[in-house]
C-alpha atoms as a PDB file:
ATOM      1  CA  MET A   1       3.333   1.835 -26.790  1.00  0.00           C
ATOM      2  CA  LYS A   2       5.916   3.064 -24.220  1.00  0.00           C
ATOM      3  CA  VAL A   3       4.690   5.174 -21.349  1.00  0.00           C
ATOM      4  CA  LEU A   4       6.536   6.551 -18.005  1.00  0.00           C
ATOM      5  CA  LEU A   5       4.571   6.355 -15.056  1.00  0.00           C
ATOM      6  CA  ILE A   6       5.419   8.688 -12.086  1.00  0.00           C
ATOM      7  CA  LYS A   7       3.616   7.502  -8.365  1.00  0.00           C
ATOM      8  CA  THR A   8       6.823   7.311  -5.909  1.00  0.00           C
ATOM      9  CA  SER A   9       4.899   6.828  -2.649  1.00  0.00           C
ATOM     10  CA  SER A  10       3.430   6.107   0.028  1.00  0.00           C
ATOM     11  CA  MET A  11       3.469   2.159  -0.088  1.00  0.00           C
ATOM     12  CA  GLY A  12      -0.266   1.868  -0.264  1.00  0.00           C
ATOM     13  CA  ASP A  13      -0.566   4.477  -3.247  1.00  0.00           C
ATOM     14  CA  VAL A  14       2.017   2.519  -5.219  1.00  0.00           C
ATOM     15  CA  ILE A  15       0.096  -0.492  -4.616  1.00  0.00           C
ATOM     16  CA  HIS A  16      -3.219   1.025  -5.416  1.00  0.00           C
ATOM     17  CA  THR A  17      -1.723   1.917  -9.174  1.00  0.00           C
ATOM     18  CA  LEU A  18      -1.130  -1.414  -9.976  1.00  0.00           C
ATOM     19  CA  PRO A  19      -4.530  -2.894 -11.077  1.00  0.00           C
ATOM     20  CA  ALA A  20      -4.843   0.145 -13.544  1.00  0.00           C
ATOM     21  CA  LEU A  21      -1.601  -1.293 -15.148  1.00  0.00           C
ATOM     22  CA  THR A  22      -3.044  -4.890 -15.539  1.00  0.00           C
ATOM     23  CA  ASP A  23      -6.003  -3.108 -17.335  1.00  0.00           C
ATOM     24  CA  ALA A  24      -4.079  -1.186 -19.406  1.00  0.00           C
ATOM     25  CA  LYS A  25      -2.226  -4.414 -20.591  1.00  0.00           C
ATOM     26  CA  ALA A  26      -5.466  -6.158 -21.169  1.00  0.00           C
ATOM     27  CA  MET A  27      -6.602  -3.901 -23.358  1.00  0.00           C
ATOM     28  CA  ILE A  28      -3.650  -2.413 -25.220  1.00  0.00           C
ATOM     29  CA  LYS A  29      -1.292  -5.763 -25.603  1.00  0.00           C
ATOM     30  CA  ASP A  30       1.675  -4.159 -26.827  1.00  0.00           C
ATOM     31  CA  ILE A  31       1.739  -1.332 -23.893  1.00  0.00           C
ATOM     32  CA  SER A  32       4.752  -1.469 -21.408  1.00  0.00           C
ATOM     33  CA  PHE A  33       5.572   0.932 -18.793  1.00  0.00           C
ATOM     34  CA  ASP A  34       8.912   2.325 -16.778  1.00  0.00           C
ATOM     35  CA  TRP A  35       7.789   3.741 -13.517  1.00  0.00           C
ATOM     36  CA  VAL A  36       9.211   6.274 -11.473  1.00  0.00           C
ATOM     37  CA  VAL A  37       9.044   5.620  -7.742  1.00  0.00           C
ATOM     38  CA  GLU A  38      10.615   6.442  -4.225  1.00  0.00           C
ATOM     39  CA  ASP A  39      13.885   3.880  -3.892  1.00  0.00           C
ATOM     40  CA  SER A  40      12.210   2.365  -0.402  1.00  0.00           C
ATOM     41  CA  PHE A  41       9.030   1.057  -2.491  1.00  0.00           C
ATOM     42  CA  LYS A  42      11.481   0.082  -5.720  1.00  0.00           C
ATOM     43  CA  GLU A  43      10.624  -3.740  -5.285  1.00  0.00           C
ATOM     44  CA  ILE A  44       6.947  -3.520  -5.907  1.00  0.00           C
ATOM     45  CA  PRO A  45       6.689  -2.034  -9.508  1.00  0.00           C
ATOM     46  CA  ARG A  46       9.002  -4.822 -10.503  1.00  0.00           C
ATOM     47  CA  TRP A  47       6.235  -7.911  -9.361  1.00  0.00           C
ATOM     48  CA  HIS A  48       3.756  -6.390 -12.373  1.00  0.00           C
ATOM     49  CA  SER A  49       4.676  -8.150 -15.712  1.00  0.00           C
ATOM     50  CA  ALA A  50       3.302  -4.648 -17.434  1.00  0.00           C
ATOM     51  CA  VAL A  51       6.660  -2.607 -15.913  1.00  0.00           C
ATOM     52  CA  ASP A  52      10.067  -2.856 -17.879  1.00  0.00           C
ATOM     53  CA  ARG A  53      12.250  -0.762 -15.826  1.00  0.00           C
ATOM     54  CA  VAL A  54      11.923   0.747 -12.584  1.00  0.00           C
ATOM     55  CA  LEU A  55      13.831   4.254 -12.096  1.00  0.00           C
ATOM     56  CA  PRO A  56      13.929   4.776  -8.282  1.00  0.00           C
ATOM     57  CA  VAL A  57      14.232   8.320  -7.321  1.00  0.00           C
ATOM     58  CA  ASN A  58      14.914  10.136  -3.446  1.00  0.00           C
ATOM     59  CA  LEU A  59      12.561  13.239  -4.019  1.00  0.00           C
ATOM     60  CA  ARG A  60      12.444  13.398  -0.050  1.00  0.00           C
ATOM     61  CA  TYR A  61      15.841  13.786   0.522  1.00  0.00           C
ATOM     62  CA  TRP A  62      16.499  15.838  -2.912  1.00  0.00           C
ATOM     63  CA  ILE A  63      13.692  18.221  -1.919  1.00  0.00           C
ATOM     64  CA  ARG A  64      15.326  18.869   1.695  1.00  0.00           C
ATOM     65  CA  ASN A  65      18.393  19.246   0.377  1.00  0.00           C
ATOM     66  CA  PRO A  66      18.356  21.230  -2.824  1.00  0.00           C
ATOM     67  CA  VAL A  67      21.956  21.992  -3.099  1.00  0.00           C
ATOM     68  CA  LYS A  68      23.603  18.493  -2.737  1.00  0.00           C
ATOM     69  CA  THR A  69      21.003  17.293  -4.676  1.00  0.00           C
ATOM     70  CA  LEU A  70      22.164  19.231  -7.684  1.00  0.00           C
ATOM     71  CA  THR A  71      25.780  17.964  -7.331  1.00  0.00           C
ATOM     72  CA  ASN A  72      24.734  14.705  -6.981  1.00  0.00           C
ATOM     73  CA  ASP A  73      25.608  11.893  -9.310  1.00  0.00           C
ATOM     74  CA  LEU A  74      22.573   9.977  -8.595  1.00  0.00           C
ATOM     75  CA  TRP A  75      20.571  13.008  -9.821  1.00  0.00           C
ATOM     76  CA  ARG A  76      22.140  14.140 -12.702  1.00  0.00           C
ATOM     77  CA  SER A  77      22.304  10.153 -13.857  1.00  0.00           C
ATOM     78  CA  PHE A  78      18.602  10.079 -13.138  1.00  0.00           C
ATOM     79  CA  ARG A  79      17.913  13.297 -15.372  1.00  0.00           C
ATOM     80  CA  GLN A  80      19.968  11.687 -18.086  1.00  0.00           C
ATOM     81  CA  ASP A  81      18.102   8.734 -18.005  1.00  0.00           C
ATOM     82  CA  LEU A  82      14.774  10.139 -18.672  1.00  0.00           C
ATOM     83  CA  LYS A  83      16.431  12.097 -21.553  1.00  0.00           C
ATOM     84  CA  GLU A  84      17.910   9.296 -23.214  1.00  0.00           C
ATOM     85  CA  GLN A  85      14.648   7.348 -23.218  1.00  0.00           C
ATOM     86  CA  HIS A  86      11.794   7.506 -25.851  1.00  0.00           C
ATOM     87  CA  TYR A  87       8.157   7.847 -24.704  1.00  0.00           C
ATOM     88  CA  ASP A  88       4.762   8.002 -26.019  1.00  0.00           C
ATOM     89  CA  LEU A  89       3.650   9.770 -23.329  1.00  0.00           C
ATOM     90  CA  VAL A  90       4.281  10.317 -19.369  1.00  0.00           C
ATOM     91  CA  ILE A  91       1.491  10.021 -16.883  1.00  0.00           C
ATOM     92  CA  ASP A  92       1.783  11.569 -13.269  1.00  0.00           C
ATOM     93  CA  VAL A  93      -0.660   9.789 -11.060  1.00  0.00           C
ATOM     94  CA  GLN A  94       0.745  11.121  -7.912  1.00  0.00           C
ATOM     95  CA  GLY A  95      -0.494  14.812  -8.607  1.00  0.00           C
ATOM     96  CA  LEU A  96       1.942  16.656  -6.914  1.00  0.00           C
ATOM     97  CA  VAL A  97       4.059  19.702  -7.756  1.00  0.00           C
ATOM     98  CA  LYS A  98       7.180  17.674  -7.188  1.00  0.00           C
ATOM     99  CA  SER A  99       5.848  14.742  -9.421  1.00  0.00           C
ATOM    100  CA  ALA A 100       4.835  16.923 -12.001  1.00  0.00           C
ATOM    101  CA  PHE A 101       7.939  18.600 -12.205  1.00  0.00           C
ATOM    102  CA  ILE A 102       9.432  15.695 -13.104  1.00  0.00           C
ATOM    103  CA  THR A 103       7.063  15.091 -16.300  1.00  0.00           C
ATOM    104  CA  ARG A 104       8.544  18.153 -17.389  1.00  0.00           C
ATOM    105  CA  MET A 105      11.914  16.384 -17.888  1.00  0.00           C
ATOM    106  CA  VAL A 106      10.744  13.726 -20.784  1.00  0.00           C
ATOM    107  CA  LYS A 107       9.664  15.279 -24.638  1.00  0.00           C
ATOM    108  CA  ALA A 108       6.620  13.453 -24.392  1.00  0.00           C
ATOM    109  CA  PRO A 109       2.606  14.378 -23.780  1.00  0.00           C
ATOM    110  CA  ARG A 110       2.038  14.722 -20.354  1.00  0.00           C
ATOM    111  CA  HIS A 111      -0.742  13.545 -18.692  1.00  0.00           C
ATOM    112  CA  GLY A 112      -2.276  14.062 -15.249  1.00  0.00           C
ATOM    113  CA  LEU A 113      -5.357  14.672 -12.879  1.00  0.00           C
ATOM    114  CA  GLY A 114      -7.003  18.026 -13.238  1.00  0.00           C
ATOM    115  CA  ILE A 115      -7.421  21.127 -10.783  1.00  0.00           C
ATOM    116  CA  GLY A 116     -10.284  19.348  -9.002  1.00  0.00           C
ATOM    117  CA  SER A 117      -8.995  16.180  -9.128  1.00  0.00           C
ATOM    118  CA  ALA A 118      -5.157  16.447  -8.354  1.00  0.00           C
ATOM    119  CA  ARG A 119      -3.825  16.533  -4.639  1.00  0.00           C
ATOM    120  CA  GLU A 120      -1.756  19.804  -5.523  1.00  0.00           C
ATOM    121  CA  TRP A 121      -3.927  21.930  -8.182  1.00  0.00           C
ATOM    122  CA  LEU A 122      -0.370  23.819  -9.099  1.00  0.00           C
ATOM    123  CA  ALA A 123       0.791  20.915 -10.372  1.00  0.00           C
ATOM    124  CA  THR A 124      -2.225  20.694 -13.416  1.00  0.00           C
ATOM    125  CA  PHE A 125      -0.355  23.550 -15.109  1.00  0.00           C
ATOM    126  CA  LEU A 126       2.674  20.979 -15.686  1.00  0.00           C
ATOM    127  CA  TYR A 127       0.524  19.005 -18.031  1.00  0.00           C
ATOM    128  CA  ASN A 128      -0.690  18.716 -21.318  1.00  0.00           C
ATOM    129  CA  HIS A 129      -3.778  16.876 -20.954  1.00  0.00           C
ATOM    130  CA  ARG A 130      -5.641  17.098 -17.693  1.00  0.00           C
ATOM    131  CA  TYR A 131      -8.387  14.612 -16.230  1.00  0.00           C
ATOM    132  CA  ASP A 132     -11.078  15.220 -13.971  1.00  0.00           C
ATOM    133  CA  VAL A 133     -11.712  11.999 -11.543  1.00  0.00           C
ATOM    134  CA  SER A 134     -14.184  12.258  -8.453  1.00  0.00           C
ATOM    135  CA  TRP A 135     -12.524  11.853  -4.962  1.00  0.00           C
ATOM    136  CA  GLU A 136     -15.816  10.162  -4.134  1.00  0.00           C
ATOM    137  CA  HIS A 137     -14.511   7.221  -5.647  1.00  0.00           C
ATOM    138  CA  HIS A 138     -12.024   4.785  -3.931  1.00  0.00           C
ATOM    139  CA  ALA A 139      -8.034   5.317  -4.701  1.00  0.00           C
ATOM    140  CA  VAL A 140      -7.806   2.067  -6.688  1.00  0.00           C
ATOM    141  CA  SER A 141     -10.539   3.144  -8.700  1.00  0.00           C
ATOM    142  CA  ARG A 142      -9.620   6.649  -9.055  1.00  0.00           C
ATOM    143  CA  VAL A 143      -6.306   5.477 -10.754  1.00  0.00           C
ATOM    144  CA  ARG A 144      -8.481   2.998 -12.842  1.00  0.00           C
ATOM    145  CA  LYS A 145     -10.946   5.555 -14.284  1.00  0.00           C
ATOM    146  CA  LEU A 146      -7.777   7.633 -15.030  1.00  0.00           C
ATOM    147  CA  PHE A 147      -6.131   5.232 -17.128  1.00  0.00           C
ATOM    148  CA  ALA A 148      -9.530   4.669 -18.745  1.00  0.00           C
ATOM    149  CA  GLN A 149      -9.624   8.057 -20.132  1.00  0.00           C
ATOM    150  CA  ILE A 150      -5.976   8.174 -20.992  1.00  0.00           C
ATOM    151  CA  PHE A 151      -5.948   5.097 -23.110  1.00  0.00           C
ATOM    152  CA  ASN A 152      -9.602   5.582 -24.635  1.00  0.00           C
ATOM    153  CA  TYR A 153     -11.153   2.215 -22.804  1.00  0.00           C
ATOM    154  CA  GLN A 154     -14.466   1.520 -21.257  1.00  0.00           C
ATOM    155  CA  GLU A 155     -13.415   0.840 -17.241  1.00  0.00           C
ATOM    156  CA  PRO A 156     -13.711  -3.055 -16.556  1.00  0.00           C
ATOM    157  CA  SER A 157     -16.378  -3.603 -13.820  1.00  0.00           C
ATOM    158  CA  SER A 158     -14.530  -6.219 -12.592  1.00  0.00           C
ATOM    159  CA  LEU A 159     -12.746  -6.562  -9.179  1.00  0.00           C
ATOM    160  CA  PRO A 160      -9.178  -5.288  -9.045  1.00  0.00           C
ATOM    161  CA  ASN A 161      -6.487  -7.178 -10.445  1.00  0.00           C
ATOM    162  CA  TYR A 162      -3.238  -6.454  -8.875  1.00  0.00           C
ATOM    163  CA  GLY A 163      -1.408  -8.574 -11.442  1.00  0.00           C
ATOM    164  CA  ILE A 164       1.578  -9.390  -8.876  1.00  0.00           C
ATOM    165  CA  ASP A 165       3.813 -12.000 -10.328  1.00  0.00           C
ATOM    166  CA  LEU A 166       4.211 -14.576  -7.494  1.00  0.00           C
ATOM    167  CA  SER A 167       6.966 -16.213  -9.171  1.00  0.00           C
ATOM    168  CA  ALA A 168       8.961 -12.768  -8.995  1.00  0.00           C
ATOM    169  CA  LEU A 169       8.810 -13.449  -5.070  1.00  0.00           C
ATOM    170  CA  PRO A 170      11.721 -15.205  -2.957  1.00  0.00           C
ATOM    171  CA  LEU A 171      10.566 -18.490  -1.720  1.00  0.00           C
ATOM    172  CA  PHE A 172       9.413 -18.870   2.055  1.00  0.00           C
ATOM    173  CA  SER A 173       8.058 -22.139   3.052  1.00  0.00           C
ATOM    174  CA  CYS A 174       6.317 -23.114   6.873  1.00  0.00           C
ATOM    175  CA  GLU A 175       5.356 -26.580   7.666  1.00  0.00           C
ATOM    176  CA  GLU A 176       2.278 -25.044   9.875  1.00  0.00           C
ATOM    177  CA  GLU A 177      -0.599 -22.815   8.652  1.00  0.00           C
ATOM    178  CA  TYR A 178      -0.035 -20.000  10.052  1.00  0.00           C
ATOM    179  CA  MET A 179      -1.094 -16.026  10.469  1.00  0.00           C
ATOM    180  CA  VAL A 180       0.505 -12.896  10.248  1.00  0.00           C
ATOM    181  CA  LEU A 181       0.224  -9.827  12.320  1.00  0.00           C
ATOM    182  CA  LEU A 182       0.453  -6.347  10.995  1.00  0.00           C
ATOM    183  CA  HIS A 183       0.794  -4.335  14.122  1.00  0.00           C
ATOM    184  CA  GLY A 184       2.937  -1.357  12.840  1.00  0.00           C
ATOM    185  CA  THR A 185       2.032   1.827  11.555  1.00  0.00           C
ATOM    186  CA  THR A 186       3.360   5.435  11.067  1.00  0.00           C
ATOM    187  CA  TRP A 187       0.841   7.084  12.962  1.00  0.00           C
ATOM    188  CA  GLU A 188       0.729   6.677  16.727  1.00  0.00           C
ATOM    189  CA  THR A 189      -3.077   6.944  16.691  1.00  0.00           C
ATOM    190  CA  LYS A 190      -3.565   3.863  14.584  1.00  0.00           C
ATOM    191  CA  HIS A 191      -1.977   1.627  16.607  1.00  0.00           C
ATOM    192  CA  TRP A 192      -4.552  -0.612  18.090  1.00  0.00           C
ATOM    193  CA  PRO A 193      -3.642  -1.513  21.921  1.00  0.00           C
ATOM    194  CA  SER A 194      -0.698  -4.249  22.504  1.00  0.00           C
ATOM    195  CA  ASN A 195      -3.305  -6.089  24.790  1.00  0.00           C
ATOM    196  CA  ASN A 196      -5.804  -6.819  22.204  1.00  0.00           C
ATOM    197  CA  TRP A 197      -2.894  -8.233  19.886  1.00  0.00           C
ATOM    198  CA  VAL A 198      -2.195 -10.223  22.490  1.00  0.00           C
ATOM    199  CA  GLU A 199      -5.330 -11.499  23.292  1.00  0.00           C
ATOM    200  CA  LEU A 200      -5.794 -12.187  19.184  1.00  0.00           C
ATOM    201  CA  ALA A 201      -2.539 -13.769  19.102  1.00  0.00           C
ATOM    202  CA  LYS A 202      -3.450 -16.546  21.829  1.00  0.00           C
ATOM    203  CA  CYS A 203      -6.748 -17.029  19.985  1.00  0.00           C
ATOM    204  CA  MET A 204      -4.771 -18.102  16.824  1.00  0.00           C
ATOM    205  CA  THR A 205      -2.397 -20.332  18.566  1.00  0.00           C
ATOM    206  CA  ASP A 206      -5.587 -22.066  20.803  1.00  0.00           C
ATOM    207  CA  GLU A 207      -7.015 -22.669  17.126  1.00  0.00           C
ATOM    208  CA  GLY A 208      -3.796 -24.415  16.219  1.00  0.00           C
ATOM    209  CA  TYR A 209      -2.297 -21.537  14.048  1.00  0.00           C
ATOM    210  CA  LYS A 210       1.026 -20.599  13.568  1.00  0.00           C
ATOM    211  CA  VAL A 211       1.467 -16.675  14.278  1.00  0.00           C
ATOM    212  CA  LEU A 212       4.302 -14.739  12.513  1.00  0.00           C
ATOM    213  CA  ILE A 213       4.914 -11.315  13.281  1.00  0.00           C
ATOM    214  CA  PRO A 214       7.057  -8.870  11.172  1.00  0.00           C
ATOM    215  CA  TRP A 215       8.420  -5.175  12.501  1.00  0.00           C
ATOM    216  CA  GLY A 216      10.081  -2.558  11.063  1.00  0.00           C
ATOM    217  CA  ASN A 217      11.892  -0.436  13.962  1.00  0.00           C
ATOM    218  CA  ASP A 218      12.684  -1.155  17.705  1.00  0.00           C
ATOM    219  CA  THR A 219       9.705   0.145  19.143  1.00  0.00           C
ATOM    220  CA  GLU A 220       7.750  -2.499  16.762  1.00  0.00           C
ATOM    221  CA  LYS A 221      10.011  -5.255  17.695  1.00  0.00           C
ATOM    222  CA  LEU A 222       9.446  -4.963  21.283  1.00  0.00           C
ATOM    223  CA  ARG A 223       5.509  -4.940  20.561  1.00  0.00           C
ATOM    224  CA  ALA A 224       6.234  -8.205  18.588  1.00  0.00           C
ATOM    225  CA  GLU A 225       8.084  -9.492  21.662  1.00  0.00           C
ATOM    226  CA  LYS A 226       5.285  -8.888  24.132  1.00  0.00           C
ATOM    227  CA  ILE A 227       2.381 -10.146  21.462  1.00  0.00           C
ATOM    228  CA  ALA A 228       4.978 -13.392  21.624  1.00  0.00           C
ATOM    229  CA  SER A 229       5.309 -13.728  24.908  1.00  0.00           C
ATOM    230  CA  VAL A 230       1.879 -15.521  25.313  1.00  0.00           C
ATOM    231  CA  ALA A 231       2.958 -18.498  23.526  1.00  0.00           C
ATOM    232  CA  PRO A 232       6.722 -18.653  22.420  1.00  0.00           C
ATOM    233  CA  LEU A 233       6.493 -21.636  20.578  1.00  0.00           C
ATOM    234  CA  LYS A 234       3.849 -21.030  18.494  1.00  0.00           C
ATOM    235  CA  ILE A 235       4.911 -17.012  17.878  1.00  0.00           C
ATOM    236  CA  ASN A 236       7.695 -15.616  15.789  1.00  0.00           C
ATOM    237  CA  VAL A 237       8.906 -12.872  15.859  1.00  0.00           C
ATOM    238  CA  LEU A 238      10.305 -12.636  12.138  1.00  0.00           C
ATOM    239  CA  PRO A 239      13.725 -11.223  11.404  1.00  0.00           C
ATOM    240  CA  LYS A 240      13.955  -7.719   9.920  1.00  0.00           C
ATOM    241  CA  SER A 241      12.670  -8.263   6.466  1.00  0.00           C
ATOM    242  CA  ASN A 242      12.416  -6.271   3.037  1.00  0.00           C
ATOM    243  CA  ILE A 243       9.157  -5.997   0.886  1.00  0.00           C
ATOM    244  CA  SER A 244       9.622  -8.805  -1.201  1.00  0.00           C
ATOM    245  CA  GLN A 245      10.852 -10.932   1.774  1.00  0.00           C
ATOM    246  CA  LEU A 246       7.234  -9.630   3.318  1.00  0.00           C
ATOM    247  CA  ALA A 247       5.398 -10.196   0.386  1.00  0.00           C
ATOM    248  CA  ALA A 248       6.589 -13.698   0.369  1.00  0.00           C
ATOM    249  CA  ILE A 249       5.299 -14.617   3.506  1.00  0.00           C
ATOM    250  CA  PHE A 250       1.979 -13.175   3.212  1.00  0.00           C
ATOM    251  CA  ALA A 251       1.489 -14.472   0.013  1.00  0.00           C
ATOM    252  CA  ASN A 252       0.521 -18.176   1.673  1.00  0.00           C
ATOM    253  CA  ALA A 253      -0.654 -16.740   5.004  1.00  0.00           C
ATOM    254  CA  ALA A 254      -4.372 -18.321   5.731  1.00  0.00           C
ATOM    255  CA  ALA A 255      -5.118 -15.196   6.657  1.00  0.00           C
ATOM    256  CA  ILE A 256      -3.694 -11.224   7.748  1.00  0.00           C
ATOM    257  CA  VAL A 257      -4.626  -8.765  10.437  1.00  0.00           C
ATOM    258  CA  ALA A 258      -3.649  -5.425  10.250  1.00  0.00           C
ATOM    259  CA  VAL A 259      -3.920  -1.829  11.168  1.00  0.00           C
ATOM    260  CA  ASP A 260      -4.398   0.502   8.737  1.00  0.00           C
ATOM    261  CA  THR A 261      -0.595   0.451   7.197  1.00  0.00           C
ATOM    262  CA  GLY A 262       0.646  -0.054   3.767  1.00  0.00           C
ATOM    263  CA  LEU A 263       1.736  -3.555   4.239  1.00  0.00           C
ATOM    264  CA  GLY A 264      -2.106  -4.282   4.771  1.00  0.00           C
ATOM    265  CA  HIS A 265      -2.607  -3.202   0.878  1.00  0.00           C
ATOM    266  CA  LEU A 266       0.383  -5.511  -0.002  1.00  0.00           C
ATOM    267  CA  ALA A 267      -1.613  -8.425   1.648  1.00  0.00           C
ATOM    268  CA  CYS A 268      -4.655  -7.409  -0.202  1.00  0.00           C
ATOM    269  CA  ALA A 269      -2.849  -7.181  -3.433  1.00  0.00           C
ATOM    270  CA  LEU A 270      -1.632 -10.595  -2.853  1.00  0.00           C
ATOM    271  CA  HIS A 271      -5.284 -11.770  -2.565  1.00  0.00           C
ATOM    272  CA  ARG A 272      -5.174 -13.033   0.863  1.00  0.00           C
ATOM    273  CA  PRO A 273      -7.943 -12.825   3.466  1.00  0.00           C
ATOM    274  CA  THR A 274      -7.265  -9.608   5.300  1.00  0.00           C
ATOM    275  CA  VAL A 275      -9.119  -8.090   8.397  1.00  0.00           C
ATOM    276  CA  SER A 276      -7.964  -4.637   9.093  1.00  0.00           C
ATOM    277  CA  VAL A 277      -8.636  -2.397  12.019  1.00  0.00           C
ATOM    278  CA  TYR A 278      -9.521   1.465  11.780  1.00  0.00           C
ATOM    279  CA  GLY A 279      -9.894   3.975  14.181  1.00  0.00           C
ATOM    280  CA  PRO A 280      -8.956   7.472  13.613  1.00  0.00           C
ATOM    281  CA  THR A 281      -8.829   6.502   9.934  1.00  0.00           C
ATOM    282  CA  SER A 282     -11.635   5.286   7.290  1.00  0.00           C
ATOM    283  CA  ALA A 283     -11.725   2.217   5.024  1.00  0.00           C
ATOM    284  CA  LYS A 284     -14.382   4.124   2.236  1.00  0.00           C
ATOM    285  CA  LEU A 285     -11.736   5.690   0.118  1.00  0.00           C
ATOM    286  CA  THR A 286      -8.085   4.432   1.084  1.00  0.00           C
ATOM    287  CA  GLY A 287      -8.935   1.018   2.618  1.00  0.00           C
ATOM    288  CA  THR A 288      -7.895  -2.327   1.597  1.00  0.00           C
ATOM    289  CA  PHE A 289      -9.837  -2.801  -1.941  1.00  0.00           C
ATOM    290  CA  GLY A 290     -10.311  -6.487  -3.509  1.00  0.00           C
ATOM    291  CA  PRO A 291     -11.637  -9.965  -2.531  1.00  0.00           C
ATOM    292  CA  GLY A 292     -11.494 -11.475   1.242  1.00  0.00           C
ATOM    293  CA  GLN A 293     -11.174  -8.118   2.580  1.00  0.00           C
ATOM    294  CA  ILE A 294     -13.163  -7.238   6.127  1.00  0.00           C
ATOM    295  CA  HIS A 295     -12.768  -3.840   7.582  1.00  0.00           C
ATOM    296  CA  ILE A 296     -13.483  -3.523  11.390  1.00  0.00           C
ATOM    297  CA  SER A 297     -14.201   0.309  11.890  1.00  0.00           C
ATOM    298  CA  ALA A 298     -14.498   1.956  15.086  1.00  0.00           C
ATOM    299  CA  ASP A 299     -17.870   2.751  16.427  1.00  0.00           C
ATOM    300  CA  PHE A 300     -17.220   5.901  18.122  1.00  0.00           C
ATOM    301  CA  ASN A 301     -18.602   9.724  17.946  1.00  0.00           C
ATOM    302  CA  CYS A 302     -15.600  11.360  16.676  1.00  0.00           C
ATOM    303  CA  SER A 303     -14.065   8.459  14.429  1.00  0.00           C
ATOM    304  CA  PRO A 304     -12.771   8.884  12.051  1.00  0.00           C
ATOM    305  CA  CYS A 305     -11.093  12.308  13.101  1.00  0.00           C
ATOM    306  CA  PHE A 306      -8.191  11.563  10.878  1.00  0.00           C
ATOM    307  CA  LEU A 307      -5.929  13.337  13.511  1.00  0.00           C
ATOM    308  CA  LYS A 308      -2.213  12.045  14.363  1.00  0.00           C
ATOM    309  CA  GLN A 309      -2.957  13.022  17.845  1.00  0.00           C
ATOM    310  CA  CYS A 310      -6.275  11.971  19.848  1.00  0.00           C
ATOM    311  CA  LYS A 311      -7.771  15.028  21.171  1.00  0.00           C
ATOM    312  CA  LEU A 312      -9.383  12.946  24.065  1.00  0.00           C
ATOM    313  CA  ASN A 313      -5.979  10.953  24.913  1.00  0.00           C
ATOM    314  CA  LYS A 314      -3.089  13.095  24.108  1.00  0.00           C
ATOM    315  CA  HIS A 315      -0.653  10.537  26.257  1.00  0.00           C
ATOM    316  CA  LEU A 316       1.129   8.604  23.977  1.00  0.00           C
ATOM    317  CA  ASP A 317       1.313   5.518  26.220  1.00  0.00           C
ATOM    318  CA  LYS A 318      -2.279   5.087  25.652  1.00  0.00           C
ATOM    319  CA  ALA A 319      -4.388   4.041  22.654  1.00  0.00           C
ATOM    320  CA  PRO A 320      -7.195   6.473  21.661  1.00  0.00           C
ATOM    321  CA  PRO A 321     -10.547   5.680  23.278  1.00  0.00           C
ATOM    322  CA  CYS A 322     -12.480   4.845  20.025  1.00  0.00           C
ATOM    323  CA  TYR A 323     -10.539   1.796  19.709  1.00  0.00           C
ATOM    324  CA  ASP A 324     -12.518   0.266  23.048  1.00  0.00           C
ATOM    325  CA  THR A 325     -15.167   0.000  20.476  1.00  0.00           C
ATOM    326  CA  VAL A 326     -12.927  -2.882  18.162  1.00  0.00           C
ATOM    327  CA  THR A 327     -12.487  -5.849  20.833  1.00  0.00           C
ATOM    328  CA  ALA A 328      -9.534  -8.821  20.114  1.00  0.00           C
ATOM    329  CA  ASN A 329     -12.653 -11.244  19.755  1.00  0.00           C
ATOM    330  CA  GLN A 330     -14.527  -8.886  17.415  1.00  0.00           C
ATOM    331  CA  VAL A 331     -11.837  -9.556  15.098  1.00  0.00           C
ATOM    332  CA  TRP A 332     -10.899 -12.843  15.612  1.00  0.00           C
ATOM    333  CA  HIS A 333     -14.694 -14.047  14.363  1.00  0.00           C
ATOM    334  CA  ALA A 334     -14.022 -12.028  11.308  1.00  0.00           C
ATOM    335  CA  VAL A 335     -10.519 -13.785  10.932  1.00  0.00           C
ATOM    336  CA  LYS A 336     -12.671 -16.860  10.805  1.00  0.00           C
ATOM    337  CA  ASN A 337     -15.350 -15.953   8.746  1.00  0.00           C
ATOM    338  CA  SER A 338     -12.667 -14.700   6.302  1.00  0.00           C
ATOM    339  CA  ILE A 339     -11.453 -18.331   6.306  1.00  0.00           C
ATOM    340  CA  LEU A 340     -14.607 -20.047   5.865  1.00  0.00           C
ATOM    341  CA  GLU A 341     -15.348 -17.874   2.805  1.00  0.00           C
ATOM    342  CA  GLN A 342     -12.287 -18.988   1.118  1.00  0.00           C
ATOM    343  CA  VAL A 343     -13.559 -22.683   1.341  1.00  0.00           C
ATOM    344  CA  PRO A 344     -15.495 -23.873  -1.174  1.00  0.00           C
ATOM    345  CA  ALA A 345     -19.064 -25.258  -0.560  1.00  0.00           C
END
């Protein structure tokens, strides 16, 4: 059975889809997937054994530049590729009009979420088959439930298996036991204060761990260097790395601490002990989901507010006050507990 899967972005959403592929492969031995995904995340589907081909797209650019897109060789090549392939069915997991539109390029039954379950209800009119999945479930469970309905099997009750083939990752080695700090994220309000990161890093190095800090832009690099200044011989600011390189680093970490970021979901998918800090957002429906995951949420009267700009503190140089309730000492204790849980009795 050959299936075209459409789940383009974001990083967290792409990772949330992996366990459903593991379920389907366990239930239907001859199933395989081609996956349409944003070019920036094309490495992720390649790590799963059920994926044959990855079809990168640049939907955000294509939608913003429709005239250039229509004359673009990449767009024509993408459409031609879909027309030439035979698929038994196509599944739109994204639930958006732009992703549902891609399903119309394929001559196969189109499956997707129903009106009350899709992110954009208009998308549902482009499907032949629609399925209701409650928003009360975690994002990972929603995709697993969708696949179980489409392929008519009982949804497994086991914890999600993201099915990442570690042999598909580049090699990485470190002589010392290390932890990773994932301090970067998209929303300004999701950033845990730099001083807390500094204090946490010192706790880690005092305990004998090496600390590795990735970054994705100049602002994050400056923050990483500030954190590293507390113990420059024990804390390494990593060179700028792609997703596969970061996955290889995460795969052997003793523990990882993250804010609400896609890289935190990657750490979870690699089954690493991960402590995630949540301020304006909630872990309930879209937090890291799997074994070894600890969530620390702000204990504040308006949290989670799900706002990109804090109403109580509109100065970008200061963190939202809800983060005053999440201390470095609290996070460090959670990190130590997560490591202890990995040690057999």
